[in-house]
């Protein structure tokens, strides 16, 4: 079972607008000239989001991210089955009630901000496509959909790593297949 890139969604970008106005008295007087330069700059706020490996990476429930430290990472959850567990030792595997099993792995989300008075941000996520029947994608026990962003946290602090656990629940009897999903995370200033 594989989960492909987890990536960030919308976040504000930094735009700097500089207006220049040159005025001057360029009369030649004894080899000197005078001019004036007026600069106006408008700073816009920006938010950036990156995914990092957990400090516990490699132990059960903490698989390494590919391309960690960026906003476009991958997470391999190995191959799993209802009776056979998972092929990767870093995956947390469990049988659940209702004939489901779950594979999961945790990672860190770090959101930073510049030029904003916002004290915190809201974190949300969305999957790109509807999963097959009897397959559920979750983050920290919150089910994700492809119909809109689902709020994961209402007020996280900037610069502080927030641990998130990706969970995939599969009902016993789902046909053998590769499960792949793109999850978009969105940080919005409060």
C-alpha atoms as a PDB file:
ATOM      1  CA  UNK A   1       0.000   0.000   0.000  1.00  0.00           C
ATOM      2  CA  UNK A   2       1.495   3.327  -0.983  1.00  0.00           C
ATOM      3  CA  UNK A   3       0.601   6.875  -0.319  1.00  0.00           C
ATOM      4  CA  UNK A   4       2.130   9.215  -2.809  1.00  0.00           C
ATOM      5  CA  UNK A   5       3.058  12.817  -2.457  1.00  0.00           C
ATOM      6  CA  UNK A   6       1.712  14.745   0.411  1.00  0.00           C
ATOM      7  CA  UNK A   7       1.957  18.363  -0.596  1.00  0.00           C
ATOM      8  CA  UNK A   8       0.957  21.755   0.592  1.00  0.00           C
ATOM      9  CA  UNK A   9      -1.985  23.543  -0.848  1.00  0.00           C
ATOM     10  CA  UNK A  10      -2.543  27.231  -0.861  1.00  0.00           C
ATOM     11  CA  UNK A  11      -0.353  29.547   1.007  1.00  0.00           C
ATOM     12  CA  UNK A  12       0.292  33.210   0.520  1.00  0.00           C
ATOM     13  CA  UNK A  13       3.316  34.182  -1.498  1.00  0.00           C
ATOM     14  CA  UNK A  14       5.600  37.119  -0.839  1.00  0.00           C
ATOM     15  CA  UNK A  15       5.135  39.952  -3.265  1.00  0.00           C
ATOM     16  CA  UNK A  16       7.143  43.132  -3.015  1.00  0.00           C
ATOM     17  CA  UNK A  17       6.115  46.092  -5.117  1.00  0.00           C
ATOM     18  CA  UNK A  18       8.610  48.877  -5.495  1.00  0.00           C
ATOM     19  CA  UNK A  19       7.656  52.210  -7.041  1.00  0.00           C
ATOM     20  CA  UNK A  20      10.482  54.481  -8.103  1.00  0.00           C
ATOM     21  CA  UNK A  21      10.153  58.176  -8.742  1.00  0.00           C
ATOM     22  CA  UNK A  22      13.188  60.061  -9.858  1.00  0.00           C
ATOM     23  CA  UNK A  23      13.029  63.821  -9.883  1.00  0.00           C
ATOM     24  CA  UNK A  24      15.826  66.121 -10.069  1.00  0.00           C
ATOM     25  CA  UNK A  25      17.538  69.210 -11.002  1.00  0.00           C
ATOM     26  CA  UNK A  26      20.066  68.004 -13.485  1.00  0.00           C
ATOM     27  CA  UNK A  27      21.408  71.440 -14.401  1.00  0.00           C
ATOM     28  CA  UNK A  28      25.096  71.460 -14.884  1.00  0.00           C
ATOM     29  CA  UNK A  29      26.520  73.809 -12.293  1.00  0.00           C
ATOM     30  CA  UNK A  30      30.184  73.526 -11.676  1.00  0.00           C
ATOM     31  CA  UNK A  31      30.147  69.801 -12.454  1.00  0.00           C
ATOM     32  CA  UNK A  32      27.443  68.818  -9.942  1.00  0.00           C
ATOM     33  CA  UNK A  33      23.898  67.562 -10.344  1.00  0.00           C
ATOM     34  CA  UNK A  34      21.152  66.957  -7.814  1.00  0.00           C
ATOM     35  CA  UNK A  35      18.414  64.335  -7.972  1.00  0.00           C
ATOM     36  CA  UNK A  36      15.859  62.804  -5.628  1.00  0.00           C
ATOM     37  CA  UNK A  37      14.793  59.178  -5.390  1.00  0.00           C
ATOM     38  CA  UNK A  38      11.547  58.266  -3.617  1.00  0.00           C
ATOM     39  CA  UNK A  39      10.915  54.561  -2.882  1.00  0.00           C
ATOM     40  CA  UNK A  40       7.619  53.055  -1.766  1.00  0.00           C
ATOM     41  CA  UNK A  41       7.478  49.367  -0.862  1.00  0.00           C
ATOM     42  CA  UNK A  42       4.439  47.318   0.065  1.00  0.00           C
ATOM     43  CA  UNK A  43       5.108  44.132   2.007  1.00  0.00           C
ATOM     44  CA  UNK A  44       2.553  41.354   1.896  1.00  0.00           C
ATOM     45  CA  UNK A  45       2.291  38.602   4.446  1.00  0.00           C
ATOM     46  CA  UNK A  46       3.413  35.107   3.593  1.00  0.00           C
ATOM     47  CA  UNK A  47       2.911  31.668   5.048  1.00  0.00           C
ATOM     48  CA  UNK A  48       5.028  28.643   4.201  1.00  0.00           C
ATOM     49  CA  UNK A  49       4.467  25.011   5.114  1.00  0.00           C
ATOM     50  CA  UNK A  50       7.003  22.169   5.108  1.00  0.00           C
ATOM     51  CA  UNK A  51       6.905  18.523   6.145  1.00  0.00           C
ATOM     52  CA  UNK A  52       9.658  17.047   8.331  1.00  0.00           C
ATOM     53  CA  UNK A  53      10.486  13.589   9.579  1.00  0.00           C
ATOM     54  CA  UNK A  54       9.523  12.921  13.159  1.00  0.00           C
ATOM     55  CA  UNK A  55      12.454  12.639  15.593  1.00  0.00           C
ATOM     56  CA  UNK A  56      11.256   9.029  16.069  1.00  0.00           C
ATOM     57  CA  UNK A  57      11.654   8.209  12.349  1.00  0.00           C
ATOM     58  CA  UNK A  58      12.404   4.526  11.727  1.00  0.00           C
ATOM     59  CA  UNK A  59      10.518   3.207  14.730  1.00  0.00           C
ATOM     60  CA  UNK A  60       6.998   1.748  14.390  1.00  0.00           C
ATOM     61  CA  UNK A  61       4.554   4.466  13.366  1.00  0.00           C
ATOM     62  CA  UNK A  62       7.245   6.820  12.037  1.00  0.00           C
ATOM     63  CA  UNK A  63       8.290   6.116   8.441  1.00  0.00           C
ATOM     64  CA  UNK A  64      10.757   8.418   6.693  1.00  0.00           C
ATOM     65  CA  UNK A  65       9.429  10.974   4.231  1.00  0.00           C
ATOM     66  CA  UNK A  66      11.054  11.268   0.850  1.00  0.00           C
ATOM     67  CA  UNK A  67      12.169  14.856   0.217  1.00  0.00           C
ATOM     68  CA  UNK A  68      11.660  15.817   3.896  1.00  0.00           C
ATOM     69  CA  UNK A  69      12.097  19.477   4.755  1.00  0.00           C
ATOM     70  CA  UNK A  70      10.103  20.630   1.720  1.00  0.00           C
ATOM     71  CA  UNK A  71       6.456  21.175   0.840  1.00  0.00           C
ATOM     72  CA  UNK A  72       6.331  18.229  -1.580  1.00  0.00           C
ATOM     73  CA  UNK A  73       7.056  14.895   0.095  1.00  0.00           C
ATOM     74  CA  UNK A  74       6.224  11.214  -0.307  1.00  0.00           C
ATOM     75  CA  UNK A  75       5.327   8.615   2.296  1.00  0.00           C
ATOM     76  CA  UNK A  76       5.633   4.882   1.604  1.00  0.00           C
ATOM     77  CA  UNK A  77       3.309   2.749   3.731  1.00  0.00           C
ATOM     78  CA  UNK A  78       4.500  -0.565   2.263  1.00  0.00           C
ATOM     79  CA  UNK A  79       2.194  -3.471   1.417  1.00  0.00           C
ATOM     80  CA  UNK A  80      -0.369  -4.623   3.953  1.00  0.00           C
ATOM     81  CA  UNK A  81      -3.184  -7.123   4.422  1.00  0.00           C
ATOM     82  CA  UNK A  82      -5.836  -7.901   7.005  1.00  0.00           C
ATOM     83  CA  UNK A  83      -4.079 -11.041   8.275  1.00  0.00           C
ATOM     84  CA  UNK A  84      -0.479 -10.408   7.294  1.00  0.00           C
ATOM     85  CA  UNK A  85       0.449  -7.053   8.777  1.00  0.00           C
ATOM     86  CA  UNK A  86       2.692  -4.695   6.798  1.00  0.00           C
ATOM     87  CA  UNK A  87       5.965  -5.197   4.929  1.00  0.00           C
ATOM     88  CA  UNK A  88       7.623  -2.122   6.471  1.00  0.00           C
ATOM     89  CA  UNK A  89       8.658  -2.172  10.116  1.00  0.00           C
ATOM     90  CA  UNK A  90       8.190   1.606  10.407  1.00  0.00           C
ATOM     91  CA  UNK A  91       4.455   1.340   9.645  1.00  0.00           C
ATOM     92  CA  UNK A  92       2.039   1.058  12.546  1.00  0.00           C
ATOM     93  CA  UNK A  93      -0.400  -1.751  11.608  1.00  0.00           C
ATOM     94  CA  UNK A  94      -3.520  -2.695  13.561  1.00  0.00           C
ATOM     95  CA  UNK A  95      -6.711  -4.718  13.148  1.00  0.00           C
ATOM     96  CA  UNK A  96      -9.758  -2.618  13.965  1.00  0.00           C
ATOM     97  CA  UNK A  97     -13.351  -3.490  14.748  1.00  0.00           C
ATOM     98  CA  UNK A  98     -15.750  -4.042  11.870  1.00  0.00           C
ATOM     99  CA  UNK A  99     -13.291  -6.122   9.848  1.00  0.00           C
ATOM    100  CA  UNK A 100     -11.004  -3.172   9.079  1.00  0.00           C
ATOM    101  CA  UNK A 101      -7.266  -2.884   9.392  1.00  0.00           C
ATOM    102  CA  UNK A 102      -5.219   0.294   9.505  1.00  0.00           C
ATOM    103  CA  UNK A 103      -1.734   1.344   8.473  1.00  0.00           C
ATOM    104  CA  UNK A 104      -0.368   4.638   9.739  1.00  0.00           C
ATOM    105  CA  UNK A 105       2.714   6.770  10.042  1.00  0.00           C
ATOM    106  CA  UNK A 106       3.401  10.147  11.659  1.00  0.00           C
ATOM    107  CA  UNK A 107       5.337  13.160  10.395  1.00  0.00           C
ATOM    108  CA  UNK A 108       5.713  16.803  11.364  1.00  0.00           C
ATOM    109  CA  UNK A 109       4.158  19.887   9.788  1.00  0.00           C
ATOM    110  CA  UNK A 110       5.915  23.216  10.316  1.00  0.00           C
ATOM    111  CA  UNK A 111       4.265  26.469   9.257  1.00  0.00           C
ATOM    112  CA  UNK A 112       6.145  29.761   9.339  1.00  0.00           C
ATOM    113  CA  UNK A 113       4.904  33.269   8.648  1.00  0.00           C
ATOM    114  CA  UNK A 114       6.389  36.641   7.786  1.00  0.00           C
ATOM    115  CA  UNK A 115       4.937  40.138   7.807  1.00  0.00           C
ATOM    116  CA  UNK A 116       1.727  39.186   9.565  1.00  0.00           C
ATOM    117  CA  UNK A 117       0.067  40.023  12.868  1.00  0.00           C
ATOM    118  CA  UNK A 118      -1.686  36.663  12.870  1.00  0.00           C
ATOM    119  CA  UNK A 119      -1.054  34.846  16.163  1.00  0.00           C
ATOM    120  CA  UNK A 120      -1.790  31.384  14.760  1.00  0.00           C
ATOM    121  CA  UNK A 121      -3.002  29.430  11.752  1.00  0.00           C
ATOM    122  CA  UNK A 122      -5.688  26.911  10.879  1.00  0.00           C
ATOM    123  CA  UNK A 123      -4.536  23.638   9.301  1.00  0.00           C
ATOM    124  CA  UNK A 124      -6.764  21.718   6.899  1.00  0.00           C
ATOM    125  CA  UNK A 125      -6.337  18.873   4.402  1.00  0.00           C
ATOM    126  CA  UNK A 126      -8.104  17.362   1.397  1.00  0.00           C
ATOM    127  CA  UNK A 127      -7.563  14.219  -0.696  1.00  0.00           C
ATOM    128  CA  UNK A 128      -7.474  14.556  -4.483  1.00  0.00           C
ATOM    129  CA  UNK A 129      -9.754  11.676  -5.468  1.00  0.00           C
ATOM    130  CA  UNK A 130     -12.506   9.636  -3.876  1.00  0.00           C
ATOM    131  CA  UNK A 131     -11.064   6.440  -2.398  1.00  0.00           C
ATOM    132  CA  UNK A 132     -12.249   2.982  -3.451  1.00  0.00           C
ATOM    133  CA  UNK A 133     -15.198   1.553  -1.540  1.00  0.00           C
ATOM    134  CA  UNK A 134     -14.289   0.491   2.014  1.00  0.00           C
ATOM    135  CA  UNK A 135     -11.047   2.530   2.078  1.00  0.00           C
ATOM    136  CA  UNK A 136     -10.789   5.570   4.361  1.00  0.00           C
ATOM    137  CA  UNK A 137      -8.004   8.184   4.450  1.00  0.00           C
ATOM    138  CA  UNK A 138      -7.585  10.035   7.760  1.00  0.00           C
ATOM    139  CA  UNK A 139      -5.225  12.431   9.506  1.00  0.00           C
ATOM    140  CA  UNK A 140      -5.237  12.199  13.310  1.00  0.00           C
ATOM    141  CA  UNK A 141      -8.534  10.261  13.234  1.00  0.00           C
ATOM    142  CA  UNK A 142     -10.238  12.908  11.063  1.00  0.00           C
ATOM    143  CA  UNK A 143     -11.648  11.544   7.803  1.00  0.00           C
ATOM    144  CA  UNK A 144     -10.517  13.372   4.659  1.00  0.00           C
ATOM    145  CA  UNK A 145     -12.691  13.906   1.581  1.00  0.00           C
ATOM    146  CA  UNK A 146     -12.169  15.140  -1.953  1.00  0.00           C
ATOM    147  CA  UNK A 147     -15.107  17.552  -1.737  1.00  0.00           C
ATOM    148  CA  UNK A 148     -13.417  20.260   0.333  1.00  0.00           C
ATOM    149  CA  UNK A 149     -10.811  20.930   2.959  1.00  0.00           C
ATOM    150  CA  UNK A 150     -11.355  19.333   6.362  1.00  0.00           C
ATOM    151  CA  UNK A 151     -10.098  21.330   9.346  1.00  0.00           C
ATOM    152  CA  UNK A 152      -7.480  19.449  11.339  1.00  0.00           C
ATOM    153  CA  UNK A 153      -6.506  22.203  13.807  1.00  0.00           C
ATOM    154  CA  UNK A 154      -8.106  25.567  14.536  1.00  0.00           C
ATOM    155  CA  UNK A 155      -5.140  27.429  16.035  1.00  0.00           C
ATOM    156  CA  UNK A 156      -1.601  26.071  15.719  1.00  0.00           C
ATOM    157  CA  UNK A 157       1.451  28.219  16.547  1.00  0.00           C
ATOM    158  CA  UNK A 158       3.832  29.335  13.824  1.00  0.00           C
ATOM    159  CA  UNK A 159       7.277  27.743  13.823  1.00  0.00           C
ATOM    160  CA  UNK A 160       6.263  24.895  16.139  1.00  0.00           C
ATOM    161  CA  UNK A 161       6.388  21.358  14.694  1.00  0.00           C
ATOM    162  CA  UNK A 162       2.930  19.759  14.803  1.00  0.00           C
ATOM    163  CA  UNK A 163       2.824  15.957  14.626  1.00  0.00           C
ATOM    164  CA  UNK A 164       0.242  14.542  12.222  1.00  0.00           C
ATOM    165  CA  UNK A 165      -0.515  10.863  11.680  1.00  0.00           C
ATOM    166  CA  UNK A 166      -1.682   9.687   8.273  1.00  0.00           C
ATOM    167  CA  UNK A 167      -3.980   6.669   8.582  1.00  0.00           C
ATOM    168  CA  UNK A 168      -5.383   4.439   5.875  1.00  0.00           C
ATOM    169  CA  UNK A 169      -8.189   2.105   6.932  1.00  0.00           C
ATOM    170  CA  UNK A 170      -9.109  -0.802   4.655  1.00  0.00           C
ATOM    171  CA  UNK A 171     -11.990  -3.229   5.127  1.00  0.00           C
ATOM    172  CA  UNK A 172     -11.211  -6.916   4.927  1.00  0.00           C
ATOM    173  CA  UNK A 173     -12.084  -8.222   1.468  1.00  0.00           C
ATOM    174  CA  UNK A 174     -11.073  -5.115  -0.519  1.00  0.00           C
ATOM    175  CA  UNK A 175      -9.428  -6.421  -3.698  1.00  0.00           C
ATOM    176  CA  UNK A 176      -5.631  -6.363  -3.876  1.00  0.00           C
ATOM    177  CA  UNK A 177      -4.513  -3.074  -5.437  1.00  0.00           C
ATOM    178  CA  UNK A 178      -2.096  -0.192  -5.020  1.00  0.00           C
ATOM    179  CA  UNK A 179      -3.660   2.623  -3.056  1.00  0.00           C
ATOM    180  CA  UNK A 180      -2.243   5.998  -3.985  1.00  0.00           C
ATOM    181  CA  UNK A 181      -3.449   9.435  -2.968  1.00  0.00           C
ATOM    182  CA  UNK A 182      -2.342  13.049  -3.090  1.00  0.00           C
ATOM    183  CA  UNK A 183      -3.206  14.971   0.054  1.00  0.00           C
ATOM    184  CA  UNK A 184      -3.188  18.752  -0.048  1.00  0.00           C
ATOM    185  CA  UNK A 185      -2.565  20.545   3.231  1.00  0.00           C
ATOM    186  CA  UNK A 186      -3.625  24.165   3.677  1.00  0.00           C
ATOM    187  CA  UNK A 187      -2.473  26.632   6.335  1.00  0.00           C
ATOM    188  CA  UNK A 188      -4.607  29.754   6.737  1.00  0.00           C
ATOM    189  CA  UNK A 189      -3.705  32.669   9.005  1.00  0.00           C
ATOM    190  CA  UNK A 190      -6.166  33.325  11.834  1.00  0.00           C
END
